[in-house]
Amino acid sequence: MRRQLFILCFVADIAMAQQRPGLFFREDFKETPAETPVTQEHLTNNDLVMTLYGPGKDSIRKSHHDKPADDPYYIWSGVCQGNWAVAIKHRTKYVDLSRQGKISWRSKQSGYRQLHVILKLADGTWLVSQPLDPESGDWRVREFNISDMKWMGLNIESVIETKPVVNADLTKVEEIGWTDLMRGGRSPASSRLDWIEVSGFPVGK
């Protein structure tokens, strides 16, 4: 009897593990000289496409400092002259984030900047998260449980939030990205992102 119970629990654990999503993509970005304009060529994963949005999109940069020695090569908003956003999509797949989906990244914000997750759904709807990653004195890794998040609509042309969205359908997400909904203010007032990782179930287009 005890052996049967053990086997049942073991099978249940395997079933639960199989229900959890795997890694959909991770992007670390290539190492480039400081203040280089961000382009598609900076992606390390050939299956991904990056798009820049908003009035400040042409000023989004890759940056880096020689000191400290472990300073990463990060995407930086410091010279953006208007609101901006960065989003990444898979060339051939949507991702289902509705079932234990997660987004993780390493970032550092300054000057009241707070980094938000943004999503583009299969029907063209854009969302921006209310949970966010606030100012920090050093690099920090954050993990977001998508099921815990609340959303507002996002006007992707202006990169300005609109109104609350409830019961968003996250079963087919096309693009995943980030913004702080503000213009840049050089190093004292900007957002920095080192890498991003998305876990979810792939869905064919």
N, C-alpha and C. Protein backbone atom coordinates (compact mmCIF):
# COMPACT_ATOMS: atom_id res chain seq x y z
N MET A 1 0.84 -1.20 0.00
CA MET A 1 0.00 0.00 0.00
C MET A 1 0.87 1.26 0.00
N ARG A 2 1.89 1.24 0.86
CA ARG A 2 2.78 2.39 0.94
C ARG A 2 3.53 2.58 -0.38
N ARG A 3 3.94 1.46 -0.99
CA ARG A 3 4.63 1.53 -2.27
C ARG A 3 3.71 2.10 -3.36
N GLN A 4 2.44 1.68 -3.36
CA GLN A 4 1.49 2.19 -4.36
C GLN A 4 1.29 3.70 -4.19
N LEU A 5 1.23 4.14 -2.93
CA LEU A 5 1.06 5.56 -2.66
C LEU A 5 2.27 6.35 -3.16
N PHE A 6 3.45 5.78 -2.95
CA PHE A 6 4.68 6.44 -3.41
C PHE A 6 4.67 6.58 -4.93
N ILE A 7 4.27 5.51 -5.62
CA ILE A 7 4.24 5.53 -7.09
C ILE A 7 3.24 6.57 -7.58
N LEU A 8 2.07 6.64 -6.94
CA LEU A 8 1.06 7.62 -7.33
C LEU A 8 1.57 9.05 -7.16
N CYS A 9 2.26 9.30 -6.06
CA CYS A 9 2.80 10.64 -5.80
C CYS A 9 3.89 10.98 -6.82
N PHE A 10 4.71 9.96 -7.16
CA PHE A 10 5.78 10.17 -8.14
C PHE A 10 5.20 10.51 -9.51
N VAL A 11 4.17 9.77 -9.92
CA VAL A 11 3.52 10.03 -11.20
C VAL A 11 2.88 11.41 -11.20
N ALA A 12 2.26 11.80 -10.08
CA ALA A 12 1.63 13.13 -9.98
C ALA A 12 2.68 14.23 -10.10
N ASP A 13 3.85 14.02 -9.48
CA ASP A 13 4.92 15.01 -9.58
C ASP A 13 5.40 15.16 -11.01
N ILE A 14 5.52 14.04 -11.73
CA ILE A 14 5.95 14.10 -13.13
C ILE A 14 4.92 14.85 -13.98
N ALA A 15 3.64 14.55 -13.74
CA ALA A 15 2.57 15.22 -14.49
C ALA A 15 2.58 16.72 -14.24
N MET A 16 2.80 17.11 -12.99
CA MET A 16 2.85 18.54 -12.66
C MET A 16 4.03 19.21 -13.35
N ALA A 17 5.19 18.52 -13.35
CA ALA A 17 6.37 19.08 -13.99
C ALA A 17 6.14 19.26 -15.48
N GLN A 18 5.44 18.31 -16.11
CA GLN A 18 5.19 18.40 -17.54
C GLN A 18 4.23 19.53 -17.89
N GLN A 19 3.46 19.99 -16.92
CA GLN A 19 2.52 21.08 -17.16
C GLN A 19 3.22 22.43 -17.10
N ARG A 20 4.40 22.50 -16.54
CA ARG A 20 5.10 23.77 -16.42
C ARG A 20 5.80 24.10 -17.74
N PRO A 21 5.79 25.36 -18.12
CA PRO A 21 6.40 25.72 -19.41
C PRO A 21 7.92 25.69 -19.34
N GLY A 22 8.53 25.47 -20.49
CA GLY A 22 9.98 25.54 -20.60
C GLY A 22 10.42 26.91 -21.08
N LEU A 23 11.71 27.04 -21.32
CA LEU A 23 12.27 28.29 -21.81
C LEU A 23 11.82 28.52 -23.25
N PHE A 24 11.16 29.64 -23.50
CA PHE A 24 10.73 29.99 -24.86
C PHE A 24 11.86 30.72 -25.59
N PHE A 25 12.43 31.72 -24.94
CA PHE A 25 13.65 32.30 -25.47
C PHE A 25 14.40 33.03 -24.37
N ARG A 26 15.70 33.20 -24.61
CA ARG A 26 16.55 34.07 -23.80
C ARG A 26 17.39 34.88 -24.77
N GLU A 27 17.54 36.17 -24.47
CA GLU A 27 18.39 37.03 -25.29
C GLU A 27 19.35 37.81 -24.40
N ASP A 28 20.65 37.68 -24.70
CA ASP A 28 21.70 38.36 -23.93
C ASP A 28 22.31 39.55 -24.67
N PHE A 29 22.07 39.64 -25.99
CA PHE A 29 22.55 40.74 -26.81
C PHE A 29 24.08 40.71 -26.97
N LYS A 30 24.52 41.15 -28.12
CA LYS A 30 25.94 41.13 -28.43
C LYS A 30 26.68 42.26 -27.73
N GLU A 31 27.97 42.05 -27.56
CA GLU A 31 28.82 43.08 -26.96
C GLU A 31 29.23 44.07 -28.05
N THR A 32 28.91 45.35 -27.83
CA THR A 32 29.19 46.39 -28.82
C THR A 32 29.76 47.61 -28.10
N PRO A 33 30.39 48.54 -28.82
CA PRO A 33 30.90 49.76 -28.18
C PRO A 33 29.79 50.57 -27.53
N ALA A 34 30.16 51.38 -26.56
CA ALA A 34 29.19 52.19 -25.81
C ALA A 34 28.42 53.14 -26.71
N GLU A 35 27.14 53.32 -26.38
CA GLU A 35 26.22 54.25 -27.06
C GLU A 35 26.06 53.94 -28.54
N THR A 36 26.10 52.67 -28.91
CA THR A 36 25.81 52.23 -30.27
C THR A 36 24.30 52.14 -30.46
N PRO A 37 23.74 52.73 -31.53
CA PRO A 37 22.29 52.60 -31.76
C PRO A 37 21.88 51.12 -31.87
N VAL A 38 20.78 50.77 -31.23
CA VAL A 38 20.32 49.38 -31.18
C VAL A 38 19.72 48.99 -32.53
N THR A 39 20.12 47.81 -33.04
CA THR A 39 19.57 47.27 -34.28
C THR A 39 19.32 45.77 -34.12
N GLN A 40 18.68 45.19 -35.13
CA GLN A 40 18.44 43.75 -35.17
C GLN A 40 19.74 42.95 -35.06
N GLU A 41 20.84 43.52 -35.54
CA GLU A 41 22.13 42.82 -35.53
C GLU A 41 22.66 42.56 -34.13
N HIS A 42 22.08 43.23 -33.14
CA HIS A 42 22.55 43.03 -31.76
C HIS A 42 22.01 41.75 -31.13
N LEU A 43 21.01 41.12 -31.77
CA LEU A 43 20.46 39.89 -31.21
C LEU A 43 21.41 38.73 -31.45
N THR A 44 21.51 37.85 -30.46
CA THR A 44 22.34 36.65 -30.59
C THR A 44 21.55 35.46 -31.10
N ASN A 45 20.22 35.50 -31.00
CA ASN A 45 19.35 34.39 -31.39
C ASN A 45 18.73 34.70 -32.75
N ASN A 46 19.07 33.91 -33.76
CA ASN A 46 18.58 34.17 -35.12
C ASN A 46 17.09 33.90 -35.29
N ASP A 47 16.47 33.23 -34.32
CA ASP A 47 15.03 32.96 -34.39
C ASP A 47 14.19 34.15 -33.92
N LEU A 48 14.83 35.19 -33.44
CA LEU A 48 14.13 36.32 -32.85
C LEU A 48 14.21 37.57 -33.72
N VAL A 49 13.18 38.41 -33.58
CA VAL A 49 13.14 39.71 -34.27
C VAL A 49 12.89 40.78 -33.22
N MET A 50 13.66 41.85 -33.27
CA MET A 50 13.51 42.96 -32.32
C MET A 50 12.93 44.18 -33.05
N THR A 51 11.97 44.83 -32.40
CA THR A 51 11.37 46.05 -32.95
C THR A 51 11.41 47.14 -31.89
N LEU A 52 11.72 48.36 -32.32
CA LEU A 52 11.77 49.53 -31.43
C LEU A 52 10.54 50.39 -31.71
N TYR A 53 9.97 50.96 -30.64
CA TYR A 53 8.72 51.72 -30.77
C TYR A 53 8.84 53.06 -30.04
N GLY A 54 7.95 53.98 -30.44
CA GLY A 54 7.78 55.24 -29.73
C GLY A 54 8.58 56.39 -30.32
N PRO A 55 8.28 57.62 -29.89
CA PRO A 55 8.99 58.80 -30.39
C PRO A 55 10.48 58.77 -30.12
N GLY A 56 10.88 58.04 -29.07
CA GLY A 56 12.31 57.99 -28.72
C GLY A 56 13.04 56.78 -29.26
N LYS A 57 12.42 56.02 -30.17
CA LYS A 57 13.00 54.74 -30.58
C LYS A 57 14.36 54.87 -31.26
N ASP A 58 14.59 55.96 -31.99
CA ASP A 58 15.85 56.11 -32.72
C ASP A 58 17.03 56.43 -31.81
N SER A 59 16.73 56.70 -30.54
CA SER A 59 17.79 57.05 -29.59
C SER A 59 18.10 55.93 -28.61
N ILE A 60 17.46 54.77 -28.76
CA ILE A 60 17.76 53.63 -27.88
C ILE A 60 19.17 53.14 -28.22
N ARG A 61 19.99 52.93 -27.21
CA ARG A 61 21.39 52.60 -27.40
C ARG A 61 21.78 51.31 -26.67
N LYS A 62 22.89 50.71 -27.16
CA LYS A 62 23.63 49.73 -26.37
C LYS A 62 24.72 50.50 -25.65
N SER A 63 25.00 50.13 -24.39
CA SER A 63 26.04 50.85 -23.67
C SER A 63 26.84 49.89 -22.80
N HIS A 64 27.94 50.43 -22.22
CA HIS A 64 28.85 49.61 -21.43
C HIS A 64 29.87 50.55 -20.79
N HIS A 65 30.36 50.16 -19.61
CA HIS A 65 31.45 50.90 -18.96
C HIS A 65 32.61 49.94 -18.70
N ASP A 66 33.83 50.45 -18.83
CA ASP A 66 35.00 49.62 -18.56
C ASP A 66 35.14 49.29 -17.07
N LYS A 67 34.61 50.16 -16.22
CA LYS A 67 34.64 49.93 -14.78
C LYS A 67 33.24 50.09 -14.22
N PRO A 68 32.79 49.16 -13.35
CA PRO A 68 33.53 47.99 -12.87
C PRO A 68 33.78 46.97 -13.98
N ALA A 69 34.69 46.04 -13.73
CA ALA A 69 35.12 45.10 -14.76
C ALA A 69 34.00 44.20 -15.24
N ASP A 70 32.99 43.96 -14.38
CA ASP A 70 31.89 43.06 -14.77
C ASP A 70 30.67 43.82 -15.29
N ASP A 71 30.85 45.09 -15.66
CA ASP A 71 29.71 45.86 -16.18
C ASP A 71 29.22 45.21 -17.47
N PRO A 72 27.91 44.94 -17.60
CA PRO A 72 27.40 44.25 -18.79
C PRO A 72 27.25 45.19 -19.99
N TYR A 73 26.98 44.60 -21.14
CA TYR A 73 26.65 45.35 -22.36
C TYR A 73 25.12 45.40 -22.44
N TYR A 74 24.54 46.55 -22.13
CA TYR A 74 23.11 46.64 -21.88
C TYR A 74 22.41 47.60 -22.83
N ILE A 75 21.10 47.40 -22.97
CA ILE A 75 20.25 48.33 -23.72
C ILE A 75 19.87 49.48 -22.80
N TRP A 76 20.01 50.72 -23.30
CA TRP A 76 19.97 51.91 -22.45
C TRP A 76 19.06 52.98 -23.06
N SER A 77 18.28 53.64 -22.19
CA SER A 77 17.32 54.66 -22.65
C SER A 77 17.80 56.09 -22.40
N GLY A 78 19.04 56.26 -21.97
CA GLY A 78 19.49 57.55 -21.45
C GLY A 78 19.38 58.73 -22.38
N VAL A 79 19.51 58.53 -23.70
CA VAL A 79 19.45 59.67 -24.62
C VAL A 79 18.16 59.71 -25.42
N CYS A 80 17.16 58.91 -25.04
CA CYS A 80 15.88 58.92 -25.74
C CYS A 80 15.18 60.26 -25.57
N GLN A 81 14.78 60.87 -26.67
CA GLN A 81 14.14 62.18 -26.64
C GLN A 81 12.62 62.10 -26.47
N GLY A 82 12.09 60.92 -26.33
CA GLY A 82 10.67 60.71 -26.09
C GLY A 82 10.45 59.31 -25.54
N ASN A 83 9.20 58.97 -25.26
CA ASN A 83 8.89 57.63 -24.77
C ASN A 83 9.36 56.58 -25.78
N TRP A 84 9.71 55.43 -25.27
CA TRP A 84 10.34 54.39 -26.09
C TRP A 84 9.88 53.02 -25.60
N ALA A 85 10.07 52.00 -26.43
CA ALA A 85 9.82 50.62 -26.02
C ALA A 85 10.64 49.71 -26.92
N VAL A 86 11.04 48.57 -26.36
CA VAL A 86 11.73 47.52 -27.10
C VAL A 86 10.90 46.25 -26.97
N ALA A 87 10.69 45.54 -28.07
CA ALA A 87 9.94 44.29 -28.02
C ALA A 87 10.61 43.25 -28.91
N ILE A 88 10.48 41.99 -28.51
CA ILE A 88 11.09 40.87 -29.22
C ILE A 88 10.02 39.83 -29.52
N LYS A 89 10.10 39.23 -30.71
CA LYS A 89 9.17 38.15 -31.06
C LYS A 89 9.93 37.01 -31.72
N HIS A 90 9.33 35.83 -31.66
CA HIS A 90 9.86 34.67 -32.36
C HIS A 90 9.37 34.71 -33.80
N ARG A 91 10.20 34.30 -34.75
CA ARG A 91 9.85 34.40 -36.16
C ARG A 91 8.67 33.50 -36.55
N THR A 92 8.53 32.35 -35.90
CA THR A 92 7.53 31.37 -36.36
C THR A 92 6.53 30.94 -35.29
N LYS A 93 6.65 31.46 -34.06
CA LYS A 93 5.80 30.97 -32.98
C LYS A 93 5.26 32.12 -32.13
N TYR A 94 4.03 31.93 -31.65
CA TYR A 94 3.53 32.70 -30.51
C TYR A 94 3.97 31.98 -29.24
N VAL A 95 3.71 32.60 -28.08
CA VAL A 95 3.95 31.93 -26.81
C VAL A 95 2.71 32.05 -25.94
N ASP A 96 2.34 30.96 -25.30
CA ASP A 96 1.24 30.93 -24.34
C ASP A 96 1.81 31.23 -22.96
N LEU A 97 1.47 32.41 -22.42
CA LEU A 97 1.93 32.81 -21.09
C LEU A 97 0.85 32.66 -20.03
N SER A 98 -0.28 32.05 -20.41
CA SER A 98 -1.42 31.97 -19.49
C SER A 98 -1.26 30.88 -18.44
N ARG A 99 -0.34 29.94 -18.67
CA ARG A 99 -0.17 28.80 -17.76
C ARG A 99 1.23 28.81 -17.18
N GLN A 100 1.37 29.42 -16.00
CA GLN A 100 2.65 29.52 -15.30
C GLN A 100 3.74 30.21 -16.12
N GLY A 101 3.35 31.10 -17.03
CA GLY A 101 4.33 31.84 -17.81
C GLY A 101 5.14 32.76 -16.91
N LYS A 102 6.41 32.96 -17.26
CA LYS A 102 7.30 33.82 -16.48
C LYS A 102 8.16 34.65 -17.41
N ILE A 103 8.51 35.84 -16.94
CA ILE A 103 9.49 36.69 -17.61
C ILE A 103 10.52 37.10 -16.57
N SER A 104 11.79 36.93 -16.91
CA SER A 104 12.88 37.34 -16.03
C SER A 104 13.81 38.27 -16.80
N TRP A 105 14.45 39.18 -16.06
CA TRP A 105 15.47 40.02 -16.69
C TRP A 105 16.42 40.55 -15.64
N ARG A 106 17.53 41.09 -16.11
CA ARG A 106 18.51 41.77 -15.24
C ARG A 106 18.55 43.23 -15.69
N SER A 107 18.27 44.12 -14.73
CA SER A 107 18.16 45.53 -15.12
C SER A 107 18.64 46.43 -14.00
N LYS A 108 18.76 47.71 -14.33
CA LYS A 108 19.09 48.74 -13.34
C LYS A 108 18.49 50.05 -13.81
N GLN A 109 17.65 50.65 -12.97
CA GLN A 109 16.99 51.91 -13.29
C GLN A 109 17.51 53.03 -12.38
N SER A 110 17.45 54.26 -12.87
CA SER A 110 17.85 55.41 -12.06
C SER A 110 16.89 56.56 -12.30
N GLY A 111 16.85 57.52 -11.36
CA GLY A 111 16.07 58.74 -11.55
C GLY A 111 14.58 58.51 -11.68
N TYR A 112 13.98 57.72 -10.80
CA TYR A 112 12.54 57.44 -10.78
C TYR A 112 12.06 56.59 -11.94
N ARG A 113 12.96 56.06 -12.76
CA ARG A 113 12.52 55.17 -13.84
C ARG A 113 12.11 53.82 -13.27
N GLN A 114 11.01 53.28 -13.83
CA GLN A 114 10.48 52.00 -13.39
C GLN A 114 10.14 51.18 -14.64
N LEU A 115 10.75 50.03 -14.78
CA LEU A 115 10.62 49.25 -16.01
C LEU A 115 9.38 48.37 -15.97
N HIS A 116 8.58 48.43 -17.05
CA HIS A 116 7.34 47.65 -17.19
C HIS A 116 7.52 46.57 -18.25
N VAL A 117 6.84 45.45 -18.06
CA VAL A 117 6.70 44.44 -19.11
C VAL A 117 5.66 44.93 -20.11
N ILE A 118 5.90 44.74 -21.41
CA ILE A 118 4.87 44.99 -22.41
C ILE A 118 4.67 43.72 -23.23
N LEU A 119 3.42 43.52 -23.68
CA LEU A 119 3.07 42.36 -24.50
C LEU A 119 2.22 42.80 -25.68
N LYS A 120 2.44 42.17 -26.83
CA LYS A 120 1.54 42.31 -27.96
C LYS A 120 0.83 40.98 -28.17
N LEU A 121 -0.49 40.99 -28.12
CA LEU A 121 -1.27 39.78 -28.30
C LEU A 121 -1.49 39.49 -29.78
N ALA A 122 -1.92 38.27 -30.08
CA ALA A 122 -2.10 37.85 -31.47
C ALA A 122 -3.10 38.73 -32.22
N ASP A 123 -4.07 39.31 -31.50
CA ASP A 123 -5.07 40.16 -32.16
C ASP A 123 -4.62 41.60 -32.33
N GLY A 124 -3.36 41.89 -31.98
CA GLY A 124 -2.82 43.24 -32.14
C GLY A 124 -2.91 44.11 -30.90
N THR A 125 -3.56 43.63 -29.84
CA THR A 125 -3.69 44.40 -28.60
C THR A 125 -2.33 44.50 -27.90
N TRP A 126 -2.01 45.71 -27.43
CA TRP A 126 -0.79 45.91 -26.64
C TRP A 126 -1.16 46.12 -25.18
N LEU A 127 -0.37 45.51 -24.28
CA LEU A 127 -0.56 45.62 -22.84
C LEU A 127 0.73 46.11 -22.18
N VAL A 128 0.58 46.84 -21.09
CA VAL A 128 1.73 47.23 -20.28
C VAL A 128 1.42 46.87 -18.83
N SER A 129 2.40 46.30 -18.14
CA SER A 129 2.15 45.79 -16.79
C SER A 129 2.10 46.90 -15.76
N GLN A 130 1.25 46.68 -14.74
CA GLN A 130 1.26 47.54 -13.58
C GLN A 130 2.37 47.13 -12.60
N PRO A 131 2.59 45.84 -12.30
CA PRO A 131 3.80 45.49 -11.56
C PRO A 131 5.01 45.92 -12.37
N LEU A 132 6.04 46.42 -11.70
CA LEU A 132 7.17 46.99 -12.41
C LEU A 132 8.46 46.78 -11.63
N ASP A 133 9.57 47.16 -12.28
CA ASP A 133 10.90 47.01 -11.69
C ASP A 133 11.45 48.40 -11.41
N PRO A 134 11.48 48.83 -10.14
CA PRO A 134 11.80 50.22 -9.83
C PRO A 134 13.30 50.52 -9.79
N GLU A 135 13.59 51.74 -9.40
CA GLU A 135 14.96 52.23 -9.31
C GLU A 135 15.82 51.33 -8.42
N SER A 136 17.10 51.18 -8.79
CA SER A 136 18.00 50.33 -8.02
C SER A 136 19.41 50.88 -8.09
N GLY A 137 20.16 50.72 -7.01
CA GLY A 137 21.54 51.20 -6.98
C GLY A 137 22.51 50.29 -7.68
N ASP A 138 22.09 49.07 -8.00
CA ASP A 138 22.97 48.12 -8.67
C ASP A 138 22.13 47.18 -9.53
N TRP A 139 22.78 46.38 -10.35
CA TRP A 139 22.07 45.42 -11.20
C TRP A 139 21.28 44.44 -10.36
N ARG A 140 20.09 44.08 -10.84
CA ARG A 140 19.19 43.22 -10.08
C ARG A 140 18.41 42.33 -11.03
N VAL A 141 18.29 41.05 -10.66
CA VAL A 141 17.49 40.10 -11.43
C VAL A 141 16.09 40.05 -10.85
N ARG A 142 15.08 40.22 -11.72
CA ARG A 142 13.68 40.15 -11.30
C ARG A 142 12.96 39.08 -12.12
N GLU A 143 12.08 38.33 -11.45
CA GLU A 143 11.24 37.35 -12.12
C GLU A 143 9.78 37.72 -11.91
N PHE A 144 9.02 37.75 -13.00
CA PHE A 144 7.60 38.11 -12.94
C PHE A 144 6.75 36.88 -13.25
N ASN A 145 5.84 36.53 -12.35
CA ASN A 145 4.83 35.52 -12.63
C ASN A 145 3.71 36.20 -13.40
N ILE A 146 3.50 35.81 -14.62
CA ILE A 146 2.52 36.49 -15.47
C ILE A 146 1.11 36.41 -14.88
N SER A 147 0.79 35.29 -14.22
CA SER A 147 -0.55 35.13 -13.65
C SER A 147 -0.82 36.11 -12.52
N ASP A 148 0.22 36.69 -11.92
CA ASP A 148 0.05 37.65 -10.82
C ASP A 148 -0.08 39.09 -11.31
N MET A 149 0.10 39.31 -12.58
CA MET A 149 0.23 40.68 -13.08
C MET A 149 -1.12 41.28 -13.48
N LYS A 150 -1.20 42.60 -13.33
CA LYS A 150 -2.34 43.37 -13.81
C LYS A 150 -1.86 44.20 -15.00
N TRP A 151 -2.82 44.52 -15.89
CA TRP A 151 -2.43 45.12 -17.16
C TRP A 151 -3.24 46.37 -17.47
N MET A 152 -2.61 47.27 -18.21
CA MET A 152 -3.30 48.39 -18.82
C MET A 152 -3.04 48.32 -20.32
N GLY A 153 -3.93 48.93 -21.11
CA GLY A 153 -3.69 49.03 -22.53
C GLY A 153 -2.50 49.93 -22.80
N LEU A 154 -1.88 49.75 -23.95
CA LEU A 154 -0.71 50.55 -24.33
C LEU A 154 -0.89 51.06 -25.75
N ASN A 155 -0.80 52.38 -25.92
CA ASN A 155 -0.72 52.96 -27.26
C ASN A 155 0.73 52.83 -27.71
N ILE A 156 1.00 51.91 -28.61
CA ILE A 156 2.38 51.60 -28.95
C ILE A 156 3.02 52.71 -29.78
N GLU A 157 2.23 53.53 -30.45
CA GLU A 157 2.80 54.63 -31.25
C GLU A 157 3.42 55.70 -30.35
N SER A 158 2.69 56.04 -29.28
CA SER A 158 3.18 57.06 -28.35
C SER A 158 3.87 56.45 -27.13
N VAL A 159 3.69 55.15 -26.94
CA VAL A 159 4.16 54.41 -25.75
C VAL A 159 3.64 55.10 -24.49
N ILE A 160 2.30 55.23 -24.44
CA ILE A 160 1.61 55.78 -23.28
C ILE A 160 0.50 54.81 -22.89
N GLU A 161 0.37 54.57 -21.59
CA GLU A 161 -0.67 53.65 -21.11
C GLU A 161 -2.06 54.24 -21.32
N THR A 162 -3.07 53.39 -21.45
CA THR A 162 -4.44 53.85 -21.67
C THR A 162 -5.32 53.50 -20.47
N LYS A 163 -6.09 52.42 -20.56
CA LYS A 163 -7.02 52.08 -19.48
C LYS A 163 -6.80 50.63 -19.04
N PRO A 164 -7.27 50.27 -17.83
CA PRO A 164 -7.09 48.89 -17.36
C PRO A 164 -7.70 47.87 -18.30
N VAL A 165 -7.03 46.73 -18.41
CA VAL A 165 -7.51 45.60 -19.21
C VAL A 165 -7.67 44.41 -18.29
N VAL A 166 -8.87 43.84 -18.26
CA VAL A 166 -9.11 42.67 -17.41
C VAL A 166 -9.33 41.45 -18.30
N ASN A 167 -8.95 40.30 -17.76
CA ASN A 167 -9.14 39.02 -18.47
C ASN A 167 -8.49 39.02 -19.84
N ALA A 168 -7.30 39.56 -19.91
CA ALA A 168 -6.57 39.55 -21.19
C ALA A 168 -6.27 38.11 -21.59
N ASP A 169 -6.41 37.80 -22.86
CA ASP A 169 -6.14 36.47 -23.38
C ASP A 169 -4.65 36.35 -23.70
N LEU A 170 -3.92 35.66 -22.82
CA LEU A 170 -2.48 35.54 -22.97
C LEU A 170 -2.06 34.20 -23.57
N THR A 171 -3.00 33.53 -24.23
CA THR A 171 -2.69 32.22 -24.81
C THR A 171 -1.89 32.32 -26.10
N LYS A 172 -1.93 33.48 -26.75
CA LYS A 172 -1.14 33.70 -27.95
C LYS A 172 -0.52 35.10 -27.87
N VAL A 173 0.71 35.16 -27.37
CA VAL A 173 1.43 36.42 -27.26
C VAL A 173 2.47 36.47 -28.37
N GLU A 174 2.47 37.57 -29.13
CA GLU A 174 3.37 37.68 -30.28
C GLU A 174 4.69 38.35 -29.92
N GLU A 175 4.63 39.46 -29.15
CA GLU A 175 5.85 40.20 -28.81
C GLU A 175 5.91 40.41 -27.31
N ILE A 176 7.14 40.39 -26.78
CA ILE A 176 7.40 40.60 -25.35
C ILE A 176 8.50 41.65 -25.25
N GLY A 177 8.31 42.65 -24.38
CA GLY A 177 9.33 43.68 -24.27
C GLY A 177 9.26 44.47 -23.00
N TRP A 178 9.80 45.70 -23.07
CA TRP A 178 9.90 46.52 -21.87
C TRP A 178 9.94 48.01 -22.23
N THR A 179 9.54 48.83 -21.28
CA THR A 179 9.58 50.29 -21.38
C THR A 179 9.48 50.87 -19.98
N ASP A 180 9.92 52.11 -19.81
CA ASP A 180 9.69 52.81 -18.54
C ASP A 180 8.68 53.95 -18.70
N LEU A 181 8.10 54.07 -19.91
CA LEU A 181 7.06 55.08 -20.19
C LEU A 181 7.56 56.51 -19.99
N MET A 182 8.88 56.73 -20.14
CA MET A 182 9.46 58.06 -19.95
C MET A 182 10.59 58.28 -20.96
N ARG A 183 10.95 59.53 -21.17
CA ARG A 183 12.12 59.86 -21.98
C ARG A 183 13.37 59.68 -21.14
N GLY A 184 14.52 59.70 -21.79
CA GLY A 184 15.77 59.51 -21.07
C GLY A 184 16.32 60.79 -20.47
N GLY A 185 17.17 60.63 -19.46
CA GLY A 185 17.83 61.76 -18.83
C GLY A 185 19.29 61.44 -18.54
N ARG A 186 19.97 60.87 -19.57
CA ARG A 186 21.35 60.42 -19.43
C ARG A 186 21.48 59.42 -18.26
N SER A 187 22.67 59.27 -17.72
CA SER A 187 22.88 58.25 -16.67
C SER A 187 22.06 58.49 -15.40
N PRO A 188 21.84 59.75 -14.97
CA PRO A 188 21.08 59.94 -13.73
C PRO A 188 19.60 59.57 -13.81
N ALA A 189 19.05 59.46 -15.03
CA ALA A 189 17.61 59.20 -15.18
C ALA A 189 17.38 58.34 -16.41
N SER A 190 17.52 57.02 -16.25
CA SER A 190 17.41 56.13 -17.40
C SER A 190 17.17 54.69 -16.96
N SER A 191 16.87 53.84 -17.94
CA SER A 191 16.68 52.41 -17.69
C SER A 191 17.71 51.62 -18.47
N ARG A 192 18.12 50.50 -17.87
CA ARG A 192 19.15 49.64 -18.47
C ARG A 192 18.68 48.19 -18.36
N LEU A 193 18.84 47.44 -19.45
CA LEU A 193 18.48 46.02 -19.43
C LEU A 193 19.61 45.19 -20.02
N ASP A 194 20.09 44.23 -19.23
CA ASP A 194 21.21 43.38 -19.61
C ASP A 194 20.76 42.19 -20.44
N TRP A 195 19.76 41.43 -19.95
CA TRP A 195 19.23 40.26 -20.67
C TRP A 195 17.77 40.05 -20.31
N ILE A 196 17.08 39.25 -21.12
CA ILE A 196 15.67 38.93 -20.86
C ILE A 196 15.45 37.45 -21.18
N GLU A 197 14.59 36.83 -20.37
CA GLU A 197 14.29 35.41 -20.51
C GLU A 197 12.77 35.22 -20.38
N VAL A 198 12.19 34.43 -21.28
CA VAL A 198 10.74 34.19 -21.30
C VAL A 198 10.48 32.70 -21.24
N SER A 199 9.63 32.28 -20.30
CA SER A 199 9.22 30.87 -20.19
C SER A 199 7.73 30.78 -20.50
N GLY A 200 7.37 29.89 -21.42
CA GLY A 200 5.98 29.71 -21.81
C GLY A 200 5.88 28.56 -22.79
N PHE A 201 4.65 28.24 -23.18
CA PHE A 201 4.40 27.15 -24.11
C PHE A 201 4.38 27.69 -25.55
N PRO A 202 5.23 27.18 -26.44
CA PRO A 202 5.20 27.66 -27.83
C PRO A 202 3.91 27.29 -28.53
N VAL A 203 3.42 28.21 -29.37
CA VAL A 203 2.19 28.01 -30.15
C VAL A 203 2.50 28.36 -31.60
N GLY A 204 2.19 27.49 -32.53
CA GLY A 204 2.46 27.74 -33.93
C GLY A 204 1.63 28.88 -34.49
N LYS A 205 2.20 29.61 -35.42
CA LYS A 205 1.47 30.72 -36.06
C LYS A 205 0.69 30.19 -37.27
